[in-house]
Structure formats: structure tokens, C-alpha cells
ModelCIF file with pLDDT and N, C-alpha, C, O atoms, coordinates in Angstrom:
data_MODEL
#
_entry.id   MODEL 
#
_entity.id                         1 
_entity.type                       polymer 
_entity.pdbx_number_of_molecules   1 
#
_entity_poly.entity_id                      1 
_entity_poly.type                           'polypeptide(L)' 
_entity_poly.nstd_linkage                   no 
_entity_poly.nstd_monomer                   no 
_entity_poly.pdbx_seq_one_letter_code       VGGDILQDKKTYLLIHALETATPEDHRMLMSWVGRGGEGPAATPTGTT 
_entity_poly.pdbx_seq_one_letter_code_can   VGGDILQDKKTYLLIHALETATPEDHRMLMSWVGRGGEGPAATPTGTT 
_entity_poly.pdbx_strand_id                 A 
#
loop_
_entity_poly_seq.entity_id 
_entity_poly_seq.num 
_entity_poly_seq.mon_id 
_entity_poly_seq.hetero 
1 1  VAL n 
1 2  GLY n 
1 3  GLY n 
1 4  ASP n 
1 5  ILE n 
1 6  LEU n 
1 7  GLN n 
1 8  ASP n 
1 9  LYS n 
1 10 LYS n 
1 11 THR n 
1 12 TYR n 
1 13 LEU n 
1 14 LEU n 
1 15 ILE n 
1 16 HIS n 
1 17 ALA n 
1 18 LEU n 
1 19 GLU n 
1 20 THR n 
1 21 ALA n 
1 22 THR n 
1 23 PRO n 
1 24 GLU n 
1 25 ASP n 
1 26 HIS n 
1 27 ARG n 
1 28 MET n 
1 29 LEU n 
1 30 MET n 
1 31 SER n 
1 32 TRP n 
1 33 VAL n 
1 34 GLY n 
1 35 ARG n 
1 36 GLY n 
1 37 GLY n 
1 38 GLU n 
1 39 GLY n 
1 40 PRO n 
1 41 ALA n 
1 42 ALA n 
1 43 THR n 
1 44 PRO n 
1 45 THR n 
1 46 GLY n 
1 47 THR n 
1 48 THR n 
#
_struct_asym.id          A 
_struct_asym.entity_id   1 
#
loop_
_ma_qa_metric.id 
_ma_qa_metric.mode 
_ma_qa_metric.name 
_ma_qa_metric.software_group_id 
_ma_qa_metric.type 
1 global pLDDT . pLDDT 
2 local  pLDDT . pLDDT 
#
_ma_qa_metric_global.metric_id      1 
_ma_qa_metric_global.metric_value   79.33 
_ma_qa_metric_global.model_id       1 
_ma_qa_metric_global.ordinal_id     1 
#
loop_
_ma_qa_metric_local.label_asym_id 
_ma_qa_metric_local.label_comp_id 
_ma_qa_metric_local.label_seq_id 
_ma_qa_metric_local.metric_id 
_ma_qa_metric_local.metric_value 
_ma_qa_metric_local.model_id 
_ma_qa_metric_local.ordinal_id 
A VAL 1  2 82.00 1 1  
A GLY 2  2 91.00 1 2  
A GLY 3  2 88.00 1 3  
A ASP 4  2 91.00 1 4  
A ILE 5  2 94.00 1 5  
A LEU 6  2 92.00 1 6  
A GLN 7  2 88.00 1 7  
A ASP 8  2 91.00 1 8  
A LYS 9  2 91.00 1 9  
A LYS 10 2 93.00 1 10 
A THR 11 2 96.00 1 11 
A TYR 12 2 97.00 1 12 
A LEU 13 2 97.00 1 13 
A LEU 14 2 97.00 1 14 
A ILE 15 2 97.00 1 15 
A HIS 16 2 97.00 1 16 
A ALA 17 2 97.00 1 17 
A LEU 18 2 96.00 1 18 
A GLU 19 2 96.00 1 19 
A THR 20 2 96.00 1 20 
A ALA 21 2 96.00 1 21 
A THR 22 2 97.00 1 22 
A PRO 23 2 97.00 1 23 
A GLU 24 2 97.00 1 24 
A ASP 25 2 97.00 1 25 
A HIS 26 2 96.00 1 26 
A ARG 27 2 95.00 1 27 
A MET 28 2 93.00 1 28 
A LEU 29 2 94.00 1 29 
A MET 30 2 93.00 1 30 
A SER 31 2 93.00 1 31 
A TRP 32 2 93.00 1 32 
A VAL 33 2 88.00 1 33 
A GLY 34 2 77.00 1 34 
A ARG 35 2 67.00 1 35 
A GLY 36 2 56.00 1 36 
A GLY 37 2 53.00 1 37 
A GLU 38 2 54.00 1 38 
A GLY 39 2 51.00 1 39 
A PRO 40 2 55.00 1 40 
A ALA 41 2 43.00 1 41 
A ALA 42 2 38.00 1 42 
A THR 43 2 37.00 1 43 
A PRO 44 2 37.00 1 44 
A THR 45 2 34.00 1 45 
A GLY 46 2 37.00 1 46 
A THR 47 2 36.00 1 47 
A THR 48 2 37.00 1 48 
#
loop_
_atom_site.group_PDB 
_atom_site.id 
_atom_site.type_symbol 
_atom_site.label_atom_id 
_atom_site.label_alt_id 
_atom_site.label_comp_id 
_atom_site.label_asym_id 
_atom_site.label_entity_id 
_atom_site.label_seq_id 
_atom_site.pdbx_PDB_ins_code 
_atom_site.Cartn_x 
_atom_site.Cartn_y 
_atom_site.Cartn_z 
_atom_site.occupancy 
_atom_site.B_iso_or_equiv 
_atom_site.pdbx_formal_charge 
_atom_site.auth_seq_id 
_atom_site.auth_comp_id 
_atom_site.auth_asym_id 
_atom_site.auth_atom_id 
_atom_site.pdbx_PDB_model_num 
ATOM 1   N N  . VAL A 1 1  ? 0.792   -61.720 -9.506  1.00 82.00 ? 1  VAL A N  1 
ATOM 2   C CA . VAL A 1 1  ? -0.141  -61.635 -8.390  1.00 82.00 ? 1  VAL A CA 1 
ATOM 3   C C  . VAL A 1 1  ? -1.025  -60.398 -8.547  1.00 82.00 ? 1  VAL A C  1 
ATOM 4   O O  . VAL A 1 1  ? -0.675  -59.440 -9.237  1.00 82.00 ? 1  VAL A O  1 
ATOM 5   N N  . GLY A 1 2  ? -2.168  -60.451 -7.891  1.00 91.00 ? 2  GLY A N  1 
ATOM 6   C CA . GLY A 1 2  ? -3.078  -59.313 -7.907  1.00 91.00 ? 2  GLY A CA 1 
ATOM 7   C C  . GLY A 1 2  ? -4.208  -59.421 -8.899  1.00 91.00 ? 2  GLY A C  1 
ATOM 8   O O  . GLY A 1 2  ? -5.014  -58.497 -9.011  1.00 91.00 ? 2  GLY A O  1 
ATOM 9   N N  . GLY A 1 3  ? -4.295  -60.527 -9.629  1.00 88.00 ? 3  GLY A N  1 
ATOM 10  C CA . GLY A 1 3  ? -5.365  -60.670 -10.616 1.00 88.00 ? 3  GLY A CA 1 
ATOM 11  C C  . GLY A 1 3  ? -6.747  -60.625 -9.983  1.00 88.00 ? 3  GLY A C  1 
ATOM 12  O O  . GLY A 1 3  ? -7.672  -60.033 -10.540 1.00 88.00 ? 3  GLY A O  1 
ATOM 13  N N  . ASP A 1 4  ? -6.889  -61.256 -8.808  1.00 91.00 ? 4  ASP A N  1 
ATOM 14  C CA . ASP A 1 4  ? -8.189  -61.242 -8.139  1.00 91.00 ? 4  ASP A CA 1 
ATOM 15  C C  . ASP A 1 4  ? -8.582  -59.820 -7.731  1.00 91.00 ? 4  ASP A C  1 
ATOM 16  O O  . ASP A 1 4  ? -9.753  -59.448 -7.800  1.00 91.00 ? 4  ASP A O  1 
ATOM 17  N N  . ILE A 1 5  ? -7.601  -59.038 -7.309  1.00 94.00 ? 5  ILE A N  1 
ATOM 18  C CA . ILE A 1 5  ? -7.888  -57.651 -6.918  1.00 94.00 ? 5  ILE A CA 1 
ATOM 19  C C  . ILE A 1 5  ? -8.341  -56.851 -8.129  1.00 94.00 ? 5  ILE A C  1 
ATOM 20  O O  . ILE A 1 5  ? -9.308  -56.094 -8.043  1.00 94.00 ? 5  ILE A O  1 
ATOM 21  N N  . LEU A 1 6  ? -7.657  -57.009 -9.251  1.00 92.00 ? 6  LEU A N  1 
ATOM 22  C CA . LEU A 1 6  ? -8.020  -56.257 -10.451 1.00 92.00 ? 6  LEU A CA 1 
ATOM 23  C C  . LEU A 1 6  ? -9.406  -56.633 -10.957 1.00 92.00 ? 6  LEU A C  1 
ATOM 24  O O  . LEU A 1 6  ? -10.119 -55.795 -11.507 1.00 92.00 ? 6  LEU A O  1 
ATOM 25  N N  . GLN A 1 7  ? -9.785  -57.888 -10.770 1.00 88.00 ? 7  GLN A N  1 
ATOM 26  C CA . GLN A 1 7  ? -11.093 -58.360 -11.235 1.00 88.00 ? 7  GLN A CA 1 
ATOM 27  C C  . GLN A 1 7  ? -12.197 -58.165 -10.195 1.00 88.00 ? 7  GLN A C  1 
ATOM 28  O O  . GLN A 1 7  ? -13.350 -58.525 -10.430 1.00 88.00 ? 7  GLN A O  1 
ATOM 29  N N  . ASP A 1 8  ? -11.835 -57.592 -9.047  1.00 91.00 ? 8  ASP A N  1 
ATOM 30  C CA . ASP A 1 8  ? -12.806 -57.391 -7.957  1.00 91.00 ? 8  ASP A CA 1 
ATOM 31  C C  . ASP A 1 8  ? -13.465 -58.702 -7.544  1.00 91.00 ? 8  ASP A C  1 
ATOM 32  O O  . ASP A 1 8  ? -14.644 -58.725 -7.192  1.00 91.00 ? 8  ASP A O  1 
ATOM 33  N N  . LYS A 1 9  ? -12.703 -59.795 -7.586  1.00 91.00 ? 9  LYS A N  1 
ATOM 34  C CA . LYS A 1 9  ? -13.276 -61.095 -7.222  1.00 91.00 ? 9  LYS A CA 1 
ATOM 35  C C  . LYS A 1 9  ? -13.589 -61.118 -5.735  1.00 91.00 ? 9  LYS A C  1 
ATOM 36  O O  . LYS A 1 9  ? -12.812 -60.636 -4.911  1.00 91.00 ? 9  LYS A O  1 
ATOM 37  N N  . LYS A 1 10 ? -14.736 -61.685 -5.412  1.00 93.00 ? 10 LYS A N  1 
ATOM 38  C CA . LYS A 1 10 ? -15.156 -61.785 -4.016  1.00 93.00 ? 10 LYS A CA 1 
ATOM 39  C C  . LYS A 1 10 ? -14.430 -62.966 -3.376  1.00 93.00 ? 10 LYS A C  1 
ATOM 40  O O  . LYS A 1 10 ? -15.016 -64.027 -3.162  1.00 93.00 ? 10 LYS A O  1 
ATOM 41  N N  . THR A 1 11 ? -13.163 -62.768 -3.079  1.00 96.00 ? 11 THR A N  1 
ATOM 42  C CA . THR A 1 11 ? -12.378 -63.789 -2.406  1.00 96.00 ? 11 THR A CA 1 
ATOM 43  C C  . THR A 1 11 ? -12.537 -63.637 -0.899  1.00 96.00 ? 11 THR A C  1 
ATOM 44  O O  . THR A 1 11 ? -13.112 -62.662 -0.414  1.00 96.00 ? 11 THR A O  1 
ATOM 45  N N  . TYR A 1 12 ? -12.022 -64.610 -0.174  1.00 97.00 ? 12 TYR A N  1 
ATOM 46  C CA . TYR A 1 12 ? -12.057 -64.538 1.288   1.00 97.00 ? 12 TYR A CA 1 
ATOM 47  C C  . TYR A 1 12 ? -11.385 -63.263 1.770   1.00 97.00 ? 12 TYR A C  1 
ATOM 48  O O  . TYR A 1 12 ? -11.836 -62.647 2.736   1.00 97.00 ? 12 TYR A O  1 
ATOM 49  N N  . LEU A 1 13 ? -10.302 -62.863 1.096   1.00 97.00 ? 13 LEU A N  1 
ATOM 50  C CA . LEU A 1 13 ? -9.551  -61.695 1.534   1.00 97.00 ? 13 LEU A CA 1 
ATOM 51  C C  . LEU A 1 13 ? -10.371 -60.408 1.390   1.00 97.00 ? 13 LEU A C  1 
ATOM 52  O O  . LEU A 1 13 ? -10.447 -59.617 2.329   1.00 97.00 ? 13 LEU A O  1 
ATOM 53  N N  . LEU A 1 14 ? -10.976 -60.198 0.233   1.00 97.00 ? 14 LEU A N  1 
ATOM 54  C CA . LEU A 1 14 ? -11.759 -58.988 0.029   1.00 97.00 ? 14 LEU A CA 1 
ATOM 55  C C  . LEU A 1 14 ? -12.963 -58.961 0.970   1.00 97.00 ? 14 LEU A C  1 
ATOM 56  O O  . LEU A 1 14 ? -13.281 -57.919 1.544   1.00 97.00 ? 14 LEU A O  1 
ATOM 57  N N  . ILE A 1 15 ? -13.628 -60.098 1.127   1.00 97.00 ? 15 ILE A N  1 
ATOM 58  C CA . ILE A 1 15 ? -14.808 -60.147 1.995   1.00 97.00 ? 15 ILE A CA 1 
ATOM 59  C C  . ILE A 1 15 ? -14.427 -59.841 3.437   1.00 97.00 ? 15 ILE A C  1 
ATOM 60  O O  . ILE A 1 15 ? -15.114 -59.078 4.117   1.00 97.00 ? 15 ILE A O  1 
ATOM 61  N N  . HIS A 1 16 ? -13.332 -60.436 3.905   1.00 97.00 ? 16 HIS A N  1 
ATOM 62  C CA . HIS A 1 16 ? -12.881 -60.171 5.276   1.00 97.00 ? 16 HIS A CA 1 
ATOM 63  C C  . HIS A 1 16 ? -12.561 -58.693 5.463   1.00 97.00 ? 16 HIS A C  1 
ATOM 64  O O  . HIS A 1 16 ? -12.936 -58.095 6.471   1.00 97.00 ? 16 HIS A O  1 
ATOM 65  N N  . ALA A 1 17 ? -11.870 -58.108 4.494   1.00 97.00 ? 17 ALA A N  1 
ATOM 66  C CA . ALA A 1 17 ? -11.503 -56.695 4.616   1.00 97.00 ? 17 ALA A CA 1 
ATOM 67  C C  . ALA A 1 17 ? -12.741 -55.803 4.635   1.00 97.00 ? 17 ALA A C  1 
ATOM 68  O O  . ALA A 1 17 ? -12.812 -54.860 5.424   1.00 97.00 ? 17 ALA A O  1 
ATOM 69  N N  . LEU A 1 18 ? -13.708 -56.089 3.781   1.00 96.00 ? 18 LEU A N  1 
ATOM 70  C CA . LEU A 1 18 ? -14.932 -55.292 3.757   1.00 96.00 ? 18 LEU A CA 1 
ATOM 71  C C  . LEU A 1 18 ? -15.699 -55.416 5.077   1.00 96.00 ? 18 LEU A C  1 
ATOM 72  O O  . LEU A 1 18 ? -16.352 -54.468 5.515   1.00 96.00 ? 18 LEU A O  1 
ATOM 73  N N  . GLU A 1 19 ? -15.616 -56.584 5.700   1.00 96.00 ? 19 GLU A N  1 
ATOM 74  C CA . GLU A 1 19 ? -16.334 -56.810 6.953   1.00 96.00 ? 19 GLU A CA 1 
ATOM 75  C C  . GLU A 1 19 ? -15.638 -56.186 8.158   1.00 96.00 ? 19 GLU A C  1 
ATOM 76  O O  . GLU A 1 19 ? -16.299 -55.821 9.130   1.00 96.00 ? 19 GLU A O  1 
ATOM 77  N N  . THR A 1 20 ? -14.307 -56.057 8.107   1.00 96.00 ? 20 THR A N  1 
ATOM 78  C CA . THR A 1 20 ? -13.554 -55.697 9.313   1.00 96.00 ? 20 THR A CA 1 
ATOM 79  C C  . THR A 1 20 ? -12.789 -54.385 9.206   1.00 96.00 ? 20 THR A C  1 
ATOM 80  O O  . THR A 1 20 ? -12.276 -53.901 10.214  1.00 96.00 ? 20 THR A O  1 
ATOM 81  N N  . ALA A 1 21 ? -12.697 -53.797 8.022   1.00 96.00 ? 21 ALA A N  1 
ATOM 82  C CA . ALA A 1 21 ? -11.898 -52.581 7.851   1.00 96.00 ? 21 ALA A CA 1 
ATOM 83  C C  . ALA A 1 21 ? -12.495 -51.410 8.634   1.00 96.00 ? 21 ALA A C  1 
ATOM 84  O O  . ALA A 1 21 ? -13.695 -51.382 8.907   1.00 96.00 ? 21 ALA A O  1 
ATOM 85  N N  . THR A 1 22 ? -11.661 -50.465 8.983   1.00 97.00 ? 22 THR A N  1 
ATOM 86  C CA . THR A 1 22 ? -12.142 -49.229 9.591   1.00 97.00 ? 22 THR A CA 1 
ATOM 87  C C  . THR A 1 22 ? -13.021 -48.492 8.587   1.00 97.00 ? 22 THR A C  1 
ATOM 88  O O  . THR A 1 22 ? -12.926 -48.745 7.386   1.00 97.00 ? 22 THR A O  1 
ATOM 89  N N  . PRO A 1 23 ? -13.870 -47.590 9.056   1.00 97.00 ? 23 PRO A N  1 
ATOM 90  C CA . PRO A 1 23 ? -14.699 -46.834 8.107   1.00 97.00 ? 23 PRO A CA 1 
ATOM 91  C C  . PRO A 1 23 ? -13.881 -46.169 7.007   1.00 97.00 ? 23 PRO A C  1 
ATOM 92  O O  . PRO A 1 23 ? -14.297 -46.150 5.848   1.00 97.00 ? 23 PRO A O  1 
ATOM 93  N N  . GLU A 1 24 ? -12.728 -45.629 7.362   1.00 97.00 ? 24 GLU A N  1 
ATOM 94  C CA . GLU A 1 24 ? -11.894 -44.969 6.350   1.00 97.00 ? 24 GLU A CA 1 
ATOM 95  C C  . GLU A 1 24 ? -11.377 -45.969 5.329   1.00 97.00 ? 24 GLU A C  1 
ATOM 96  O O  . GLU A 1 24 ? -11.407 -45.707 4.126   1.00 97.00 ? 24 GLU A O  1 
ATOM 97  N N  . ASP A 1 25 ? -10.898 -47.123 5.808   1.00 97.00 ? 25 ASP A N  1 
ATOM 98  C CA . ASP A 1 25 ? -10.397 -48.141 4.885   1.00 97.00 ? 25 ASP A CA 1 
ATOM 99  C C  . ASP A 1 25 ? -11.537 -48.748 4.069   1.00 97.00 ? 25 ASP A C  1 
ATOM 100 O O  . ASP A 1 25 ? -11.342 -49.107 2.907   1.00 97.00 ? 25 ASP A O  1 
ATOM 101 N N  . HIS A 1 26 ? -12.719 -48.864 4.664   1.00 96.00 ? 26 HIS A N  1 
ATOM 102 C CA . HIS A 1 26 ? -13.866 -49.374 3.919   1.00 96.00 ? 26 HIS A CA 1 
ATOM 103 C C  . HIS A 1 26 ? -14.194 -48.441 2.759   1.00 96.00 ? 26 HIS A C  1 
ATOM 104 O O  . HIS A 1 26 ? -14.471 -48.899 1.651   1.00 96.00 ? 26 HIS A O  1 
ATOM 105 N N  . ARG A 1 27 ? -14.163 -47.135 3.010   1.00 95.00 ? 27 ARG A N  1 
ATOM 106 C CA . ARG A 1 27 ? -14.401 -46.171 1.932   1.00 95.00 ? 27 ARG A CA 1 
ATOM 107 C C  . ARG A 1 27 ? -13.312 -46.280 0.872   1.00 95.00 ? 27 ARG A C  1 
ATOM 108 O O  . ARG A 1 27 ? -13.587 -46.158 -0.322  1.00 95.00 ? 27 ARG A O  1 
ATOM 109 N N  . MET A 1 28 ? -12.079 -46.511 1.308   1.00 93.00 ? 28 MET A N  1 
ATOM 110 C CA . MET A 1 28 ? -10.974 -46.671 0.362   1.00 93.00 ? 28 MET A CA 1 
ATOM 111 C C  . MET A 1 28 ? -11.210 -47.874 -0.551  1.00 93.00 ? 28 MET A C  1 
ATOM 112 O O  . MET A 1 28 ? -11.042 -47.785 -1.767  1.00 93.00 ? 28 MET A O  1 
ATOM 113 N N  . LEU A 1 29 ? -11.604 -49.007 0.054   1.00 94.00 ? 29 LEU A N  1 
ATOM 114 C CA . LEU A 1 29 ? -11.875 -50.191 -0.753  1.00 94.00 ? 29 LEU A CA 1 
ATOM 115 C C  . LEU A 1 29 ? -12.997 -49.932 -1.751  1.00 94.00 ? 29 LEU A C  1 
ATOM 116 O O  . LEU A 1 29 ? -12.881 -50.273 -2.928  1.00 94.00 ? 29 LEU A O  1 
ATOM 117 N N  . MET A 1 30 ? -14.073 -49.332 -1.280  1.00 93.00 ? 30 MET A N  1 
ATOM 118 C CA . MET A 1 30 ? -15.209 -49.087 -2.146  1.00 93.00 ? 30 MET A CA 1 
ATOM 119 C C  . MET A 1 30 ? -14.877 -48.124 -3.274  1.00 93.00 ? 30 MET A C  1 
ATOM 120 O O  . MET A 1 30 ? -15.510 -48.160 -4.329  1.00 93.00 ? 30 MET A O  1 
ATOM 121 N N  . SER A 1 31 ? -13.891 -47.264 -3.061  1.00 93.00 ? 31 SER A N  1 
ATOM 122 C CA . SER A 1 31 ? -13.504 -46.336 -4.121  1.00 93.00 ? 31 SER A CA 1 
ATOM 123 C C  . SER A 1 31 ? -12.739 -47.030 -5.237  1.00 93.00 ? 31 SER A C  1 
ATOM 124 O O  . SER A 1 31 ? -12.654 -46.525 -6.356  1.00 93.00 ? 31 SER A O  1 
ATOM 125 N N  . TRP A 1 32 ? -12.178 -48.204 -4.914  1.00 93.00 ? 32 TRP A N  1 
ATOM 126 C CA . TRP A 1 32 ? -11.434 -48.951 -5.927  1.00 93.00 ? 32 TRP A CA 1 
ATOM 127 C C  . TRP A 1 32 ? -12.272 -50.041 -6.586  1.00 93.00 ? 32 TRP A C  1 
ATOM 128 O O  . TRP A 1 32 ? -12.140 -50.281 -7.786  1.00 93.00 ? 32 TRP A O  1 
ATOM 129 N N  . VAL A 1 33 ? -13.125 -50.699 -5.820  1.00 88.00 ? 33 VAL A N  1 
ATOM 130 C CA . VAL A 1 33 ? -13.893 -51.837 -6.344  1.00 88.00 ? 33 VAL A CA 1 
ATOM 131 C C  . VAL A 1 33 ? -14.773 -51.381 -7.503  1.00 88.00 ? 33 VAL A C  1 
ATOM 132 O O  . VAL A 1 33 ? -15.501 -50.394 -7.407  1.00 88.00 ? 33 VAL A O  1 
ATOM 133 N N  . GLY A 1 34 ? -14.682 -52.133 -8.603  1.00 77.00 ? 34 GLY A N  1 
ATOM 134 C CA . GLY A 1 34 ? -15.493 -51.829 -9.780  1.00 77.00 ? 34 GLY A CA 1 
ATOM 135 C C  . GLY A 1 34 ? -14.853 -50.857 -10.741 1.00 77.00 ? 34 GLY A C  1 
ATOM 136 O O  . GLY A 1 34 ? -15.470 -50.466 -11.732 1.00 77.00 ? 34 GLY A O  1 
ATOM 137 N N  . ARG A 1 35 ? -13.610 -50.456 -10.462 1.00 67.00 ? 35 ARG A N  1 
ATOM 138 C CA . ARG A 1 35 ? -12.958 -49.463 -11.323 1.00 67.00 ? 35 ARG A CA 1 
ATOM 139 C C  . ARG A 1 35 ? -11.799 -50.043 -12.134 1.00 67.00 ? 35 ARG A C  1 
ATOM 140 O O  . ARG A 1 35 ? -11.045 -49.301 -12.764 1.00 67.00 ? 35 ARG A O  1 
ATOM 141 N N  . GLY A 1 36 ? -11.660 -51.359 -12.117 1.00 56.00 ? 36 GLY A N  1 
ATOM 142 C CA . GLY A 1 36 ? -10.565 -51.952 -12.882 1.00 56.00 ? 36 GLY A CA 1 
ATOM 143 C C  . GLY A 1 36 ? -9.240  -51.403 -12.416 1.00 56.00 ? 36 GLY A C  1 
ATOM 144 O O  . GLY A 1 36 ? -8.913  -51.506 -11.234 1.00 56.00 ? 36 GLY A O  1 
ATOM 145 N N  . GLY A 1 37 ? -8.467  -50.820 -13.317 1.00 53.00 ? 37 GLY A N  1 
ATOM 146 C CA . GLY A 1 37 ? -7.174  -50.251 -12.972 1.00 53.00 ? 37 GLY A CA 1 
ATOM 147 C C  . GLY A 1 37 ? -7.260  -48.815 -12.553 1.00 53.00 ? 37 GLY A C  1 
ATOM 148 O O  . GLY A 1 37 ? -6.241  -48.183 -12.275 1.00 53.00 ? 37 GLY A O  1 
ATOM 149 N N  . GLU A 1 38 ? -8.486  -48.278 -12.502 1.00 54.00 ? 38 GLU A N  1 
ATOM 150 C CA . GLU A 1 38 ? -8.628  -46.886 -12.125 1.00 54.00 ? 38 GLU A CA 1 
ATOM 151 C C  . GLU A 1 38 ? -9.025  -46.774 -10.657 1.00 54.00 ? 38 GLU A C  1 
ATOM 152 O O  . GLU A 1 38 ? -9.437  -47.760 -10.045 1.00 54.00 ? 38 GLU A O  1 
ATOM 153 N N  . GLY A 1 39 ? -8.905  -45.599 -10.105 1.00 51.00 ? 39 GLY A N  1 
ATOM 154 C CA . GLY A 1 39 ? -9.278  -45.406 -8.712  1.00 51.00 ? 39 GLY A CA 1 
ATOM 155 C C  . GLY A 1 39 ? -9.124  -43.970 -8.314  1.00 51.00 ? 39 GLY A C  1 
ATOM 156 O O  . GLY A 1 39 ? -9.136  -43.083 -9.167  1.00 51.00 ? 39 GLY A O  1 
ATOM 157 N N  . PRO A 1 40 ? -8.979  -43.718 -7.028  1.00 55.00 ? 40 PRO A N  1 
ATOM 158 C CA . PRO A 1 40 ? -8.882  -42.348 -6.559  1.00 55.00 ? 40 PRO A CA 1 
ATOM 159 C C  . PRO A 1 40 ? -7.712  -41.595 -7.154  1.00 55.00 ? 40 PRO A C  1 
ATOM 160 O O  . PRO A 1 40 ? -7.800  -40.403 -7.450  1.00 55.00 ? 40 PRO A O  1 
ATOM 161 N N  . ALA A 1 41 ? -6.599  -42.325 -7.325  1.00 43.00 ? 41 ALA A N  1 
ATOM 162 C CA . ALA A 1 41 ? -5.439  -41.647 -7.904  1.00 43.00 ? 41 ALA A CA 1 
ATOM 163 C C  . ALA A 1 41 ? -5.645  -41.460 -9.396  1.00 43.00 ? 41 ALA A C  1 
ATOM 164 O O  . ALA A 1 41 ? -6.278  -42.290 -10.050 1.00 43.00 ? 41 ALA A O  1 
ATOM 165 N N  . ALA A 1 42 ? -5.124  -40.395 -9.924  1.00 38.00 ? 42 ALA A N  1 
ATOM 166 C CA . ALA A 1 42 ? -5.272  -40.131 -11.353 1.00 38.00 ? 42 ALA A CA 1 
ATOM 167 C C  . ALA A 1 42 ? -4.583  -41.218 -12.150 1.00 38.00 ? 42 ALA A C  1 
ATOM 168 O O  . ALA A 1 42 ? -3.495  -41.674 -11.797 1.00 38.00 ? 42 ALA A O  1 
ATOM 169 N N  . THR A 1 43 ? -5.225  -41.626 -13.221 1.00 37.00 ? 43 THR A N  1 
ATOM 170 C CA . THR A 1 43 ? -4.653  -42.643 -14.093 1.00 37.00 ? 43 THR A CA 1 
ATOM 171 C C  . THR A 1 43 ? -3.721  -41.981 -15.089 1.00 37.00 ? 43 THR A C  1 
ATOM 172 O O  . THR A 1 43 ? -4.136  -41.052 -15.782 1.00 37.00 ? 43 THR A O  1 
ATOM 173 N N  . PRO A 1 44 ? -2.445  -42.433 -15.187 1.00 37.00 ? 44 PRO A N  1 
ATOM 174 C CA . PRO A 1 44 ? -1.531  -41.831 -16.136 1.00 37.00 ? 44 PRO A CA 1 
ATOM 175 C C  . PRO A 1 44 ? -2.077  -41.900 -17.554 1.00 37.00 ? 44 PRO A C  1 
ATOM 176 O O  . PRO A 1 44 ? -2.707  -42.885 -17.937 1.00 37.00 ? 44 PRO A O  1 
ATOM 177 N N  . THR A 1 45 ? -1.838  -40.872 -18.317 1.00 34.00 ? 45 THR A N  1 
ATOM 178 C CA . THR A 1 45 ? -2.326  -40.809 -19.686 1.00 34.00 ? 45 THR A CA 1 
ATOM 179 C C  . THR A 1 45 ? -1.820  -42.005 -20.479 1.00 34.00 ? 45 THR A C  1 
ATOM 180 O O  . THR A 1 45 ? -0.636  -42.340 -20.465 1.00 34.00 ? 45 THR A O  1 
ATOM 181 N N  . GLY A 1 46 ? -2.764  -42.632 -21.168 1.00 37.00 ? 46 GLY A N  1 
ATOM 182 C CA . GLY A 1 46 ? -2.387  -43.753 -22.044 1.00 37.00 ? 46 GLY A CA 1 
ATOM 183 C C  . GLY A 1 46 ? -2.181  -45.060 -21.310 1.00 37.00 ? 46 GLY A C  1 
ATOM 184 O O  . GLY A 1 46 ? -1.839  -46.063 -21.936 1.00 37.00 ? 46 GLY A O  1 
ATOM 185 N N  . THR A 1 47 ? -2.379  -45.082 -19.997 1.00 36.00 ? 47 THR A N  1 
ATOM 186 C CA . THR A 1 47 ? -2.169  -46.304 -19.240 1.00 36.00 ? 47 THR A CA 1 
ATOM 187 C C  . THR A 1 47 ? -3.457  -47.098 -19.164 1.00 36.00 ? 47 THR A C  1 
ATOM 188 O O  . THR A 1 47 ? -4.512  -46.536 -18.872 1.00 36.00 ? 47 THR A O  1 
ATOM 189 N N  . THR A 1 48 ? -3.390  -48.371 -19.418 1.00 37.00 ? 48 THR A N  1 
ATOM 190 C CA . THR A 1 48 ? -4.560  -49.239 -19.328 1.00 37.00 ? 48 THR A CA 1 
ATOM 191 C C  . THR A 1 48 ? -4.227  -50.428 -18.461 1.00 37.00 ? 48 THR A C  1 
ATOM 192 O O  . THR A 1 48 ? -5.076  -51.294 -18.249 1.00 37.00 ? 48 THR A O  1 
#
């Protein structure tokens, strides 16, 4: 599970969350979208 999240697919779930999330959660989502396996948290060395 989670393939759609990793691919940033515009599913019903992601669209609903972007439309309804709090400003803080919206910023959180936007910080992850488009980054593949990377994001706000540091990526462990050698991890892909």
C-alpha cells in the first residue's frame, strides 16, 4: 500500500485532503508532494 502516495497521484483522497486540510496540514502535504521518498524529515544516507 501507499504506491499512489509515493507517486503523488491525484486520487480522490489526496484531492479531498488538499481541499479540506487545515492550513498547517495543507503546508505539510505540499512539503511532501513532488518529493518522491523525500520530505521534511532528513532522508537516511543511502536510502532510496
